[in-house]
Amino acid sequence: MENTNEAVEGEGEGDACFEGKSDISQVKKLLFRRMLVGVSDGRFFMGAFYCMDKQGNIILQDAVEYRSTRRSSPSPMEQRGLGLILIPSSCRISCHVDCSIDEHLSLLSLQAQK
């Protein structure tokens, strides 16, 4: 099955994106998928989606931090391994999840219900 990236935009300020039982089952389908999360200071974190609380905070497992280097170097991005991290919803600006086309369409319908 073909893979694509699904963007799930975070509103921040403690919003609970997933409230109903069907929404919870949709989030459960994301467990242990690779997720790329952007935060407000320009960094990105890549890791396996571990959980999300009612406030929209995300925990990533085996996370790696990517940040832009402003000094001249062969690589424009630095990376470092972090392990298990919590990303507050107030800092999150974007989430991208690796998923199939069918799951992509399912998640789009979830966003349309908001």
PDB file of N, CA and C in Angstrom:
ATOM      1  N   MET A   1       0.837  -1.176   0.000  1.00  0.00           N
ATOM      2  CA  MET A   1       0.000   0.000   0.000  1.00  0.00           C
ATOM      3  C   MET A   1       0.882   1.239   0.000  1.00  0.00           C
ATOM      4  N   GLU A   2       0.475   2.255  -0.709  1.00  0.00           N
ATOM      5  CA  GLU A   2       1.236   3.474  -0.861  1.00  0.00           C
ATOM      6  C   GLU A   2       1.222   4.292   0.423  1.00  0.00           C
ATOM      7  N   ASN A   3       2.361   4.914   0.737  1.00  0.00           N
ATOM      8  CA  ASN A   3       2.455   5.751   1.936  1.00  0.00           C
ATOM      9  C   ASN A   3       2.379   7.216   1.572  1.00  0.00           C
ATOM     10  N   THR A   4       1.867   8.007   2.456  1.00  0.00           N
ATOM     11  CA  THR A   4       1.802   9.457   2.304  1.00  0.00           C
ATOM     12  C   THR A   4       1.987  10.075   3.669  1.00  0.00           C
ATOM     13  N   ASN A   5       2.109  11.360   3.723  1.00  0.00           N
ATOM     14  CA  ASN A   5       2.208  12.059   5.009  1.00  0.00           C
ATOM     15  C   ASN A   5       0.928  12.817   5.256  1.00  0.00           C
ATOM     16  N   GLU A   6       0.400  12.713   6.447  1.00  0.00           N
ATOM     17  CA  GLU A   6      -0.826  13.416   6.841  1.00  0.00           C
ATOM     18  C   GLU A   6      -0.447  14.511   7.819  1.00  0.00           C
ATOM     19  N   ALA A   7      -0.893  15.704   7.540  1.00  0.00           N
ATOM     20  CA  ALA A   7      -0.629  16.827   8.435  1.00  0.00           C
ATOM     21  C   ALA A   7      -1.823  17.019   9.351  1.00  0.00           C
ATOM     22  N   VAL A   8      -1.551  17.099  10.625  1.00  0.00           N
ATOM     23  CA  VAL A   8      -2.581  17.379  11.618  1.00  0.00           C
ATOM     24  C   VAL A   8      -2.142  18.637  12.334  1.00  0.00           C
ATOM     25  N   GLU A   9      -2.820  19.724  12.100  1.00  0.00           N
ATOM     26  CA  GLU A   9      -2.421  21.001  12.684  1.00  0.00           C
ATOM     27  C   GLU A   9      -2.894  21.099  14.125  1.00  0.00           C
ATOM     28  N   GLY A  10      -2.033  21.532  15.014  1.00  0.00           N
ATOM     29  CA  GLY A  10      -2.385  21.732  16.417  1.00  0.00           C
ATOM     30  C   GLY A  10      -2.784  23.176  16.651  1.00  0.00           C
ATOM     31  N   GLU A  11      -3.823  23.373  17.367  1.00  0.00           N
ATOM     32  CA  GLU A  11      -4.293  24.713  17.669  1.00  0.00           C
ATOM     33  C   GLU A  11      -3.575  25.299  18.874  1.00  0.00           C
ATOM     34  N   GLY A  12      -2.995  24.451  19.729  1.00  0.00           N
ATOM     35  CA  GLY A  12      -2.318  24.960  20.918  1.00  0.00           C
ATOM     36  C   GLY A  12      -3.311  25.334  22.004  1.00  0.00           C
ATOM     37  N   GLU A  13      -2.834  25.997  23.019  1.00  0.00           N
ATOM     38  CA  GLU A  13      -3.642  26.481  24.134  1.00  0.00           C
ATOM     39  C   GLU A  13      -4.509  25.399  24.758  1.00  0.00           C
ATOM     40  N   GLY A  14      -3.983  24.167  24.828  1.00  0.00           N
ATOM     41  CA  GLY A  14      -4.660  23.117  25.578  1.00  0.00           C
ATOM     42  C   GLY A  14      -5.923  22.576  24.952  1.00  0.00           C
ATOM     43  N   ASP A  15      -6.098  22.726  23.623  1.00  0.00           N
ATOM     44  CA  ASP A  15      -7.316  22.182  23.027  1.00  0.00           C
ATOM     45  C   ASP A  15      -7.234  20.662  22.983  1.00  0.00           C
ATOM     46  N   ALA A  16      -8.349  20.012  23.220  1.00  0.00           N
ATOM     47  CA  ALA A  16      -8.408  18.555  23.120  1.00  0.00           C
ATOM     48  C   ALA A  16      -8.951  18.236  21.735  1.00  0.00           C
ATOM     49  N   CYS A  17      -8.086  17.735  20.866  1.00  0.00           N
ATOM     50  CA  CYS A  17      -8.467  17.515  19.473  1.00  0.00           C
ATOM     51  C   CYS A  17      -9.406  16.331  19.316  1.00  0.00           C
ATOM     52  N   PHE A  18      -9.292  15.359  20.173  1.00  0.00           N
ATOM     53  CA  PHE A  18     -10.027  14.124  19.989  1.00  0.00           C
ATOM     54  C   PHE A  18     -10.924  13.897  21.197  1.00  0.00           C
ATOM     55  N   GLU A  19     -12.240  14.069  21.033  1.00  0.00           N
ATOM     56  CA  GLU A  19     -13.132  14.020  22.176  1.00  0.00           C
ATOM     57  C   GLU A  19     -14.031  12.792  22.202  1.00  0.00           C
ATOM     58  N   GLY A  20     -14.547  12.333  21.057  1.00  0.00           N
ATOM     59  CA  GLY A  20     -15.492  11.219  21.035  1.00  0.00           C
ATOM     60  C   GLY A  20     -14.806   9.873  20.987  1.00  0.00           C
ATOM     61  N   LYS A  21     -15.616   8.809  21.178  1.00  0.00           N
ATOM     62  CA  LYS A  21     -15.058   7.456  21.157  1.00  0.00           C
ATOM     63  C   LYS A  21     -14.484   7.109  19.787  1.00  0.00           C
ATOM     64  N   SER A  22     -15.168   7.525  18.708  1.00  0.00           N
ATOM     65  CA  SER A  22     -14.642   7.232  17.373  1.00  0.00           C
ATOM     66  C   SER A  22     -13.338   7.983  17.143  1.00  0.00           C
ATOM     67  N   ASP A  23     -13.220   9.187  17.708  1.00  0.00           N
ATOM     68  CA  ASP A  23     -11.990   9.949  17.592  1.00  0.00           C
ATOM     69  C   ASP A  23     -10.854   9.254  18.340  1.00  0.00           C
ATOM     70  N   ILE A  24     -11.165   8.698  19.492  1.00  0.00           N
ATOM     71  CA  ILE A  24     -10.149   7.976  20.264  1.00  0.00           C
ATOM     72  C   ILE A  24      -9.668   6.758  19.489  1.00  0.00           C
ATOM     73  N   SER A  25     -10.575   6.057  18.839  1.00  0.00           N
ATOM     74  CA  SER A  25     -10.157   4.893  18.048  1.00  0.00           C
ATOM     75  C   SER A  25      -9.275   5.318  16.878  1.00  0.00           C
ATOM     76  N   GLN A  26      -9.526   6.511  16.319  1.00  0.00           N
ATOM     77  CA  GLN A  26      -8.666   7.027  15.253  1.00  0.00           C
ATOM     78  C   GLN A  26      -7.261   7.306  15.787  1.00  0.00           C
ATOM     79  N   VAL A  27      -7.176   7.889  16.981  1.00  0.00           N
ATOM     80  CA  VAL A  27      -5.867   8.171  17.573  1.00  0.00           C
ATOM     81  C   VAL A  27      -5.132   6.874  17.896  1.00  0.00           C
ATOM     82  N   LYS A  28      -5.864   5.859  18.350  1.00  0.00           N
ATOM     83  CA  LYS A  28      -5.239   4.572  18.654  1.00  0.00           C
ATOM     84  C   LYS A  28      -4.574   3.971  17.427  1.00  0.00           C
ATOM     85  N   LYS A  29      -5.120   4.255  16.258  1.00  0.00           N
ATOM     86  CA  LYS A  29      -4.520   3.749  15.017  1.00  0.00           C
ATOM     87  C   LYS A  29      -3.159   4.392  14.745  1.00  0.00           C
ATOM     88  N   LEU A  30      -2.900   5.525  15.371  1.00  0.00           N
ATOM     89  CA  LEU A  30      -1.627   6.220  15.171  1.00  0.00           C
ATOM     90  C   LEU A  30      -0.524   5.718  16.097  1.00  0.00           C
ATOM     91  N   LEU A  31      -0.885   4.897  17.078  1.00  0.00           N
ATOM     92  CA  LEU A  31       0.111   4.427  18.042  1.00  0.00           C
ATOM     93  C   LEU A  31       1.313   3.797  17.351  1.00  0.00           C
ATOM     94  N   PHE A  32       2.490   4.214  17.783  1.00  0.00           N
ATOM     95  CA  PHE A  32       3.780   3.701  17.337  1.00  0.00           C
ATOM     96  C   PHE A  32       4.089   4.000  15.872  1.00  0.00           C
ATOM     97  N   ARG A  33       3.319   4.900  15.254  1.00  0.00           N
ATOM     98  CA  ARG A  33       3.649   5.367  13.903  1.00  0.00           C
ATOM     99  C   ARG A  33       4.712   6.455  14.026  1.00  0.00           C
ATOM    100  N   ARG A  34       5.513   6.608  12.973  1.00  0.00           N
ATOM    101  CA  ARG A  34       6.503   7.678  12.957  1.00  0.00           C
ATOM    102  C   ARG A  34       5.784   9.009  12.831  1.00  0.00           C
ATOM    103  N   MET A  35       6.139   9.962  13.686  1.00  0.00           N
ATOM    104  CA  MET A  35       5.498  11.267  13.688  1.00  0.00           C
ATOM    105  C   MET A  35       6.575  12.343  13.709  1.00  0.00           C
ATOM    106  N   LEU A  36       6.385  13.361  12.876  1.00  0.00           N
ATOM    107  CA  LEU A  36       7.263  14.522  12.856  1.00  0.00           C
ATOM    108  C   LEU A  36       6.466  15.690  13.418  1.00  0.00           C
ATOM    109  N   VAL A  37       6.950  16.269  14.518  1.00  0.00           N
ATOM    110  CA  VAL A  37       6.250  17.355  15.204  1.00  0.00           C
ATOM    111  C   VAL A  37       7.108  18.612  15.141  1.00  0.00           C
ATOM    112  N   GLY A  38       6.521  19.703  14.652  1.00  0.00           N
ATOM    113  CA  GLY A  38       7.196  20.994  14.622  1.00  0.00           C
ATOM    114  C   GLY A  38       6.779  21.817  15.829  1.00  0.00           C
ATOM    115  N   VAL A  39       7.732  22.526  16.411  1.00  0.00           N
ATOM    116  CA  VAL A  39       7.426  23.384  17.564  1.00  0.00           C
ATOM    117  C   VAL A  39       7.736  24.838  17.217  1.00  0.00           C
ATOM    118  N   SER A  40       7.219  25.746  18.034  1.00  0.00           N
ATOM    119  CA  SER A  40       7.239  27.174  17.732  1.00  0.00           C
ATOM    120  C   SER A  40       8.633  27.799  17.641  1.00  0.00           C
ATOM    121  N   ASP A  41       9.651  27.179  18.220  1.00  0.00           N
ATOM    122  CA  ASP A  41      10.997  27.764  18.140  1.00  0.00           C
ATOM    123  C   ASP A  41      11.783  27.287  16.922  1.00  0.00           C
ATOM    124  N   GLY A  42      11.118  26.548  16.013  1.00  0.00           N
ATOM    125  CA  GLY A  42      11.762  26.136  14.767  1.00  0.00           C
ATOM    126  C   GLY A  42      12.335  24.733  14.775  1.00  0.00           C
ATOM    127  N   ARG A  43      12.333  24.070  15.921  1.00  0.00           N
ATOM    128  CA  ARG A  43      12.849  22.701  15.970  1.00  0.00           C
ATOM    129  C   ARG A  43      11.780  21.712  15.521  1.00  0.00           C
ATOM    130  N   PHE A  44      12.229  20.518  15.146  1.00  0.00           N
ATOM    131  CA  PHE A  44      11.349  19.413  14.794  1.00  0.00           C
ATOM    132  C   PHE A  44      11.776  18.192  15.582  1.00  0.00           C
ATOM    133  N   PHE A  45      10.803  17.353  15.929  1.00  0.00           N
ATOM    134  CA  PHE A  45      11.075  16.117  16.642  1.00  0.00           C
ATOM    135  C   PHE A  45      10.458  14.970  15.864  1.00  0.00           C
ATOM    136  N   MET A  46      11.257  13.945  15.601  1.00  0.00           N
ATOM    137  CA  MET A  46      10.783  12.742  14.920  1.00  0.00           C
ATOM    138  C   MET A  46      10.847  11.600  15.915  1.00  0.00           C
ATOM    139  N   GLY A  47       9.737  10.868  16.048  1.00  0.00           N
ATOM    140  CA  GLY A  47       9.706   9.735  16.951  1.00  0.00           C
ATOM    141  C   GLY A  47       8.445   8.924  16.750  1.00  0.00           C
ATOM    142  N   ALA A  48       8.329   7.854  17.497  1.00  0.00           N
ATOM    143  CA  ALA A  48       7.141   6.999  17.448  1.00  0.00           C
ATOM    144  C   ALA A  48       6.076   7.594  18.375  1.00  0.00           C
ATOM    145  N   PHE A  49       4.869   7.808  17.838  1.00  0.00           N
ATOM    146  CA  PHE A  49       3.766   8.354  18.623  1.00  0.00           C
ATOM    147  C   PHE A  49       3.444   7.376  19.742  1.00  0.00           C
ATOM    148  N   TYR A  50       3.502   7.850  20.983  1.00  0.00           N
ATOM    149  CA  TYR A  50       3.290   6.995  22.150  1.00  0.00           C
ATOM    150  C   TYR A  50       1.944   7.275  22.809  1.00  0.00           C
ATOM    151  N   CYS A  51       1.600   8.563  23.000  1.00  0.00           N
ATOM    152  CA  CYS A  51       0.285   8.899  23.552  1.00  0.00           C
ATOM    153  C   CYS A  51       0.018  10.393  23.430  1.00  0.00           C
ATOM    154  N   MET A  52      -1.262  10.716  23.656  1.00  0.00           N
ATOM    155  CA  MET A  52      -1.718  12.110  23.690  1.00  0.00           C
ATOM    156  C   MET A  52      -2.720  12.228  24.820  1.00  0.00           C
ATOM    157  N   ASP A  53      -2.602  13.292  25.622  1.00  0.00           N
ATOM    158  CA  ASP A  53      -3.561  13.479  26.714  1.00  0.00           C
ATOM    159  C   ASP A  53      -4.707  14.385  26.267  1.00  0.00           C
ATOM    160  N   LYS A  54      -5.648  14.633  27.176  1.00  0.00           N
ATOM    161  CA  LYS A  54      -6.826  15.442  26.848  1.00  0.00           C
ATOM    162  C   LYS A  54      -6.470  16.867  26.472  1.00  0.00           C
ATOM    163  N   GLN A  55      -5.352  17.363  26.971  1.00  0.00           N
ATOM    164  CA  GLN A  55      -4.923  18.724  26.667  1.00  0.00           C
ATOM    165  C   GLN A  55      -4.211  18.832  25.324  1.00  0.00           C
ATOM    166  N   GLY A  56      -3.918  17.701  24.693  1.00  0.00           N
ATOM    167  CA  GLY A  56      -3.246  17.704  23.394  1.00  0.00           C
ATOM    168  C   GLY A  56      -1.741  17.597  23.467  1.00  0.00           C
ATOM    169  N   ASN A  57      -1.184  17.361  24.662  1.00  0.00           N
ATOM    170  CA  ASN A  57       0.255  17.137  24.784  1.00  0.00           C
ATOM    171  C   ASN A  57       0.585  15.785  24.164  1.00  0.00           C
ATOM    172  N   ILE A  58       1.695  15.716  23.462  1.00  0.00           N
ATOM    173  CA  ILE A  58       2.093  14.495  22.761  1.00  0.00           C
ATOM    174  C   ILE A  58       3.367  13.935  23.373  1.00  0.00           C
ATOM    175  N   ILE A  59       3.425  12.618  23.523  1.00  0.00           N
ATOM    176  CA  ILE A  59       4.649  11.945  23.947  1.00  0.00           C
ATOM    177  C   ILE A  59       5.165  11.122  22.770  1.00  0.00           C
ATOM    178  N   LEU A  60       6.435  11.334  22.434  1.00  0.00           N
ATOM    179  CA  LEU A  60       7.105  10.575  21.390  1.00  0.00           C
ATOM    180  C   LEU A  60       8.159   9.679  22.018  1.00  0.00           C
ATOM    181  N   GLN A  61       8.265   8.481  21.485  1.00  0.00           N
ATOM    182  CA  GLN A  61       9.235   7.496  21.952  1.00  0.00           C
ATOM    183  C   GLN A  61      10.380   7.447  20.941  1.00  0.00           C
ATOM    184  N   ASP A  62      11.600   7.207  21.413  1.00  0.00           N
ATOM    185  CA  ASP A  62      12.799   7.144  20.562  1.00  0.00           C
ATOM    186  C   ASP A  62      12.923   8.395  19.690  1.00  0.00           C
ATOM    187  N   ALA A  63      12.715   9.553  20.297  1.00  0.00           N
ATOM    188  CA  ALA A  63      12.682  10.814  19.559  1.00  0.00           C
ATOM    189  C   ALA A  63      14.084  11.313  19.217  1.00  0.00           C
ATOM    190  N   VAL A  64      14.137  11.983  18.070  1.00  0.00           N
ATOM    191  CA  VAL A  64      15.344  12.660  17.607  1.00  0.00           C
ATOM    192  C   VAL A  64      14.968  14.115  17.357  1.00  0.00           C
ATOM    193  N   GLU A  65      15.800  15.032  17.848  1.00  0.00           N
ATOM    194  CA  GLU A  65      15.574  16.465  17.650  1.00  0.00           C
ATOM    195  C   GLU A  65      16.353  16.922  16.425  1.00  0.00           C
ATOM    196  N   TYR A  66      15.703  17.725  15.585  1.00  0.00           N
ATOM    197  CA  TYR A  66      16.348  18.335  14.431  1.00  0.00           C
ATOM    198  C   TYR A  66      16.227  19.838  14.582  1.00  0.00           C
ATOM    199  N   ARG A  67      17.357  20.528  14.413  1.00  0.00           N
ATOM    200  CA  ARG A  67      17.309  21.985  14.487  1.00  0.00           C
ATOM    201  C   ARG A  67      18.241  22.580  13.448  1.00  0.00           C
ATOM    202  N   SER A  68      17.871  23.754  12.999  1.00  0.00           N
ATOM    203  CA  SER A  68      18.637  24.446  11.975  1.00  0.00           C
ATOM    204  C   SER A  68      19.904  25.024  12.571  1.00  0.00           C
ATOM    205  N   THR A  69      20.992  24.902  11.823  1.00  0.00           N
ATOM    206  CA  THR A  69      22.254  25.521  12.253  1.00  0.00           C
ATOM    207  C   THR A  69      22.417  26.815  11.476  1.00  0.00           C
ATOM    208  N   ARG A  70      22.688  27.863  12.187  1.00  0.00           N
ATOM    209  CA  ARG A  70      22.827  29.160  11.532  1.00  0.00           C
ATOM    210  C   ARG A  70      24.263  29.412  11.068  1.00  0.00           C
ATOM    211  N   ARG A  71      25.195  28.731  11.651  1.00  0.00           N
ATOM    212  CA  ARG A  71      26.575  28.883  11.219  1.00  0.00           C
ATOM    213  C   ARG A  71      26.817  28.016   9.993  1.00  0.00           C
ATOM    214  N   SER A  72      27.837  28.353   9.239  1.00  0.00           N
ATOM    215  CA  SER A  72      28.117  27.593   8.015  1.00  0.00           C
ATOM    216  C   SER A  72      28.664  26.217   8.401  1.00  0.00           C
ATOM    217  N   SER A  73      28.039  25.205   7.855  1.00  0.00           N
ATOM    218  CA  SER A  73      28.468  23.832   8.086  1.00  0.00           C
ATOM    219  C   SER A  73      28.020  22.999   6.886  1.00  0.00           C
ATOM    220  N   PRO A  74      28.588  21.826   6.704  1.00  0.00           N
ATOM    221  CA  PRO A  74      28.191  21.003   5.559  1.00  0.00           C
ATOM    222  C   PRO A  74      26.713  20.597   5.615  1.00  0.00           C
ATOM    223  N   SER A  75      26.175  20.403   6.800  1.00  0.00           N
ATOM    224  CA  SER A  75      24.780  20.019   6.950  1.00  0.00           C
ATOM    225  C   SER A  75      23.988  21.179   7.544  1.00  0.00           C
ATOM    226  N   PRO A  76      22.844  21.561   6.921  1.00  0.00           N
ATOM    227  CA  PRO A  76      22.071  22.679   7.460  1.00  0.00           C
ATOM    228  C   PRO A  76      21.272  22.325   8.721  1.00  0.00           C
ATOM    229  N   MET A  77      21.201  21.037   9.072  1.00  0.00           N
ATOM    230  CA  MET A  77      20.439  20.602  10.243  1.00  0.00           C
ATOM    231  C   MET A  77      21.336  19.811  11.182  1.00  0.00           C
ATOM    232  N   GLU A  78      21.194  20.086  12.470  1.00  0.00           N
ATOM    233  CA  GLU A  78      21.847  19.269  13.498  1.00  0.00           C
ATOM    234  C   GLU A  78      20.808  18.330  14.066  1.00  0.00           C
ATOM    235  N   GLN A  79      21.241  17.165  14.511  1.00  0.00           N
ATOM    236  CA  GLN A  79      20.308  16.245  15.145  1.00  0.00           C
ATOM    237  C   GLN A  79      20.935  15.642  16.386  1.00  0.00           C
ATOM    238  N   ARG A  80      20.065  15.272  17.341  1.00  0.00           N
ATOM    239  CA  ARG A  80      20.534  14.571  18.533  1.00  0.00           C
ATOM    240  C   ARG A  80      19.419  13.674  19.034  1.00  0.00           C
ATOM    241  N   GLY A  81      19.796  12.527  19.554  1.00  0.00           N
ATOM    242  CA  GLY A  81      18.840  11.571  20.093  1.00  0.00           C
ATOM    243  C   GLY A  81      18.381  11.996  21.474  1.00  0.00           C
ATOM    244  N   LEU A  82      17.071  11.890  21.718  1.00  0.00           N
ATOM    245  CA  LEU A  82      16.522  12.322  23.001  1.00  0.00           C
ATOM    246  C   LEU A  82      15.842  11.204  23.777  1.00  0.00           C
ATOM    247  N   GLY A  83      15.265  10.223  23.107  1.00  0.00           N
ATOM    248  CA  GLY A  83      14.529   9.168  23.806  1.00  0.00           C
ATOM    249  C   GLY A  83      13.060   9.512  23.932  1.00  0.00           C
ATOM    250  N   LEU A  84      12.506   9.387  25.136  1.00  0.00           N
ATOM    251  CA  LEU A  84      11.092   9.651  25.405  1.00  0.00           C
ATOM    252  C   LEU A  84      10.918  11.130  25.755  1.00  0.00           C
ATOM    253  N   ILE A  85      10.073  11.848  24.996  1.00  0.00           N
ATOM    254  CA  ILE A  85       9.887  13.273  25.248  1.00  0.00           C
ATOM    255  C   ILE A  85       8.402  13.635  25.250  1.00  0.00           C
ATOM    256  N   LEU A  86       8.072  14.715  25.961  1.00  0.00           N
ATOM    257  CA  LEU A  86       6.729  15.278  25.969  1.00  0.00           C
ATOM    258  C   LEU A  86       6.778  16.616  25.245  1.00  0.00           C
ATOM    259  N   ILE A  87       5.859  16.798  24.297  1.00  0.00           N
ATOM    260  CA  ILE A  87       5.767  18.051  23.562  1.00  0.00           C
ATOM    261  C   ILE A  87       4.457  18.720  23.963  1.00  0.00           C
ATOM    262  N   PRO A  88       4.529  19.856  24.663  1.00  0.00           N
ATOM    263  CA  PRO A  88       3.307  20.540  25.089  1.00  0.00           C
ATOM    264  C   PRO A  88       2.507  21.053  23.894  1.00  0.00           C
ATOM    265  N   SER A  89       1.193  21.003  24.003  1.00  0.00           N
ATOM    266  CA  SER A  89       0.344  21.469  22.909  1.00  0.00           C
ATOM    267  C   SER A  89       0.544  22.958  22.638  1.00  0.00           C
ATOM    268  N   SER A  90       0.924  23.723  23.658  1.00  0.00           N
ATOM    269  CA  SER A  90       1.123  25.158  23.480  1.00  0.00           C
ATOM    270  C   SER A  90       2.330  25.475  22.594  1.00  0.00           C
ATOM    271  N   CYS A  91       3.258  24.531  22.460  1.00  0.00           N
ATOM    272  CA  CYS A  91       4.454  24.733  21.633  1.00  0.00           C
ATOM    273  C   CYS A  91       4.302  24.125  20.239  1.00  0.00           C
ATOM    274  N   ARG A  92       3.402  23.196  20.084  1.00  0.00           N
ATOM    275  CA  ARG A  92       3.263  22.437  18.839  1.00  0.00           C
ATOM    276  C   ARG A  92       2.614  23.283  17.754  1.00  0.00           C
ATOM    277  N   ILE A  93       3.232  23.291  16.559  1.00  0.00           N
ATOM    278  CA  ILE A  93       2.627  24.007  15.443  1.00  0.00           C
ATOM    279  C   ILE A  93       2.207  23.075  14.311  1.00  0.00           C
ATOM    280  N   SER A  94       2.781  21.870  14.244  1.00  0.00           N
ATOM    281  CA  SER A  94       2.379  20.917  13.208  1.00  0.00           C
ATOM    282  C   SER A  94       2.741  19.496  13.609  1.00  0.00           C
ATOM    283  N   CYS A  95       1.994  18.550  13.031  1.00  0.00           N
ATOM    284  CA  CYS A  95       2.270  17.128  13.205  1.00  0.00           C
ATOM    285  C   CYS A  95       2.094  16.447  11.856  1.00  0.00           C
ATOM    286  N   HIS A  96       3.026  15.603  11.504  1.00  0.00           N
ATOM    287  CA  HIS A  96       2.936  14.846  10.265  1.00  0.00           C
ATOM    288  C   HIS A  96       3.110  13.373  10.618  1.00  0.00           C
ATOM    289  N   VAL A  97       2.161  12.551  10.167  1.00  0.00           N
ATOM    290  CA  VAL A  97       2.163  11.131  10.495  1.00  0.00           C
ATOM    291  C   VAL A  97       2.291  10.331   9.211  1.00  0.00           C
ATOM    292  N   ASP A  98       3.194   9.359   9.216  1.00  0.00           N
ATOM    293  CA  ASP A  98       3.350   8.473   8.073  1.00  0.00           C
ATOM    294  C   ASP A  98       2.216   7.460   8.091  1.00  0.00           C
ATOM    295  N   CYS A  99       1.381   7.437   7.032  1.00  0.00           N
ATOM    296  CA  CYS A  99       0.238   6.528   7.005  1.00  0.00           C
ATOM    297  C   CYS A  99      -0.151   6.201   5.566  1.00  0.00           C
ATOM    298  N   SER A 100      -1.049   5.234   5.418  1.00  0.00           N
ATOM    299  CA  SER A 100      -1.517   4.808   4.098  1.00  0.00           C
ATOM    300  C   SER A 100      -2.545   5.795   3.549  1.00  0.00           C
ATOM    301  N   ILE A 101      -2.880   5.661   2.275  1.00  0.00           N
ATOM    302  CA  ILE A 101      -3.878   6.523   1.641  1.00  0.00           C
ATOM    303  C   ILE A 101      -5.228   6.405   2.339  1.00  0.00           C
ATOM    304  N   ASP A 102      -5.670   5.181   2.651  1.00  0.00           N
ATOM    305  CA  ASP A 102      -6.961   4.983   3.325  1.00  0.00           C
ATOM    306  C   ASP A 102      -6.991   5.682   4.682  1.00  0.00           C
ATOM    307  N   GLU A 103      -5.901   5.556   5.437  1.00  0.00           N
ATOM    308  CA  GLU A 103      -5.824   6.213   6.744  1.00  0.00           C
ATOM    309  C   GLU A 103      -5.775   7.727   6.572  1.00  0.00           C
ATOM    310  N   HIS A 104      -5.115   8.174   5.539  1.00  0.00           N
ATOM    311  CA  HIS A 104      -5.053   9.603   5.234  1.00  0.00           C
ATOM    312  C   HIS A 104      -6.456  10.158   5.022  1.00  0.00           C
ATOM    313  N   LEU A 105      -7.266   9.488   4.239  1.00  0.00           N
ATOM    314  CA  LEU A 105      -8.644   9.924   3.992  1.00  0.00           C
ATOM    315  C   LEU A 105      -9.477   9.875   5.266  1.00  0.00           C
ATOM    316  N   SER A 106      -9.261   8.844   6.079  1.00  0.00           N
ATOM    317  CA  SER A 106      -9.983   8.715   7.344  1.00  0.00           C
ATOM    318  C   SER A 106      -9.647   9.877   8.281  1.00  0.00           C
ATOM    319  N   LEU A 107      -8.378  10.261   8.350  1.00  0.00           N
ATOM    320  CA  LEU A 107      -7.962  11.365   9.203  1.00  0.00           C
ATOM    321  C   LEU A 107      -8.484  12.698   8.679  1.00  0.00           C
ATOM    322  N   LEU A 108      -8.569  12.840   7.365  1.00  0.00           N
ATOM    323  CA  LEU A 108      -9.132  14.065   6.805  1.00  0.00           C
ATOM    324  C   LEU A 108     -10.600  14.214   7.186  1.00  0.00           C
ATOM    325  N   SER A 109     -11.340  13.094   7.191  1.00  0.00           N
ATOM    326  CA  SER A 109     -12.746  13.173   7.598  1.00  0.00           C
ATOM    327  C   SER A 109     -12.854  13.509   9.076  1.00  0.00           C
ATOM    328  N   LEU A 110     -11.893  13.060   9.882  1.00  0.00           N
ATOM    329  CA  LEU A 110     -11.869  13.390  11.313  1.00  0.00           C
ATOM    330  C   LEU A 110     -11.676  14.888  11.493  1.00  0.00           C
ATOM    331  N   GLN A 111     -10.776  15.508  10.703  1.00  0.00           N
ATOM    332  CA  GLN A 111     -10.550  16.949  10.798  1.00  0.00           C
ATOM    333  C   GLN A 111     -11.801  17.725  10.367  1.00  0.00           C
ATOM    334  N   ALA A 112     -12.521  17.226   9.376  1.00  0.00           N
ATOM    335  CA  ALA A 112     -13.703  17.923   8.877  1.00  0.00           C
ATOM    336  C   ALA A 112     -14.831  17.933   9.920  1.00  0.00           C
ATOM    337  N   GLN A 113     -14.835  16.967  10.849  1.00  0.00           N
ATOM    338  CA  GLN A 113     -15.870  16.874  11.874  1.00  0.00           C
ATOM    339  C   GLN A 113     -15.683  17.924  12.958  1.00  0.00           C
ATOM    340  N   LYS A 114     -14.516  18.511  13.105  1.00  0.00           N
ATOM    341  CA  LYS A 114     -14.229  19.473  14.184  1.00  0.00           C
ATOM    342  C   LYS A 114     -15.087  20.691  14.067  1.00  0.00           C
TER     343      LYS A 114
END
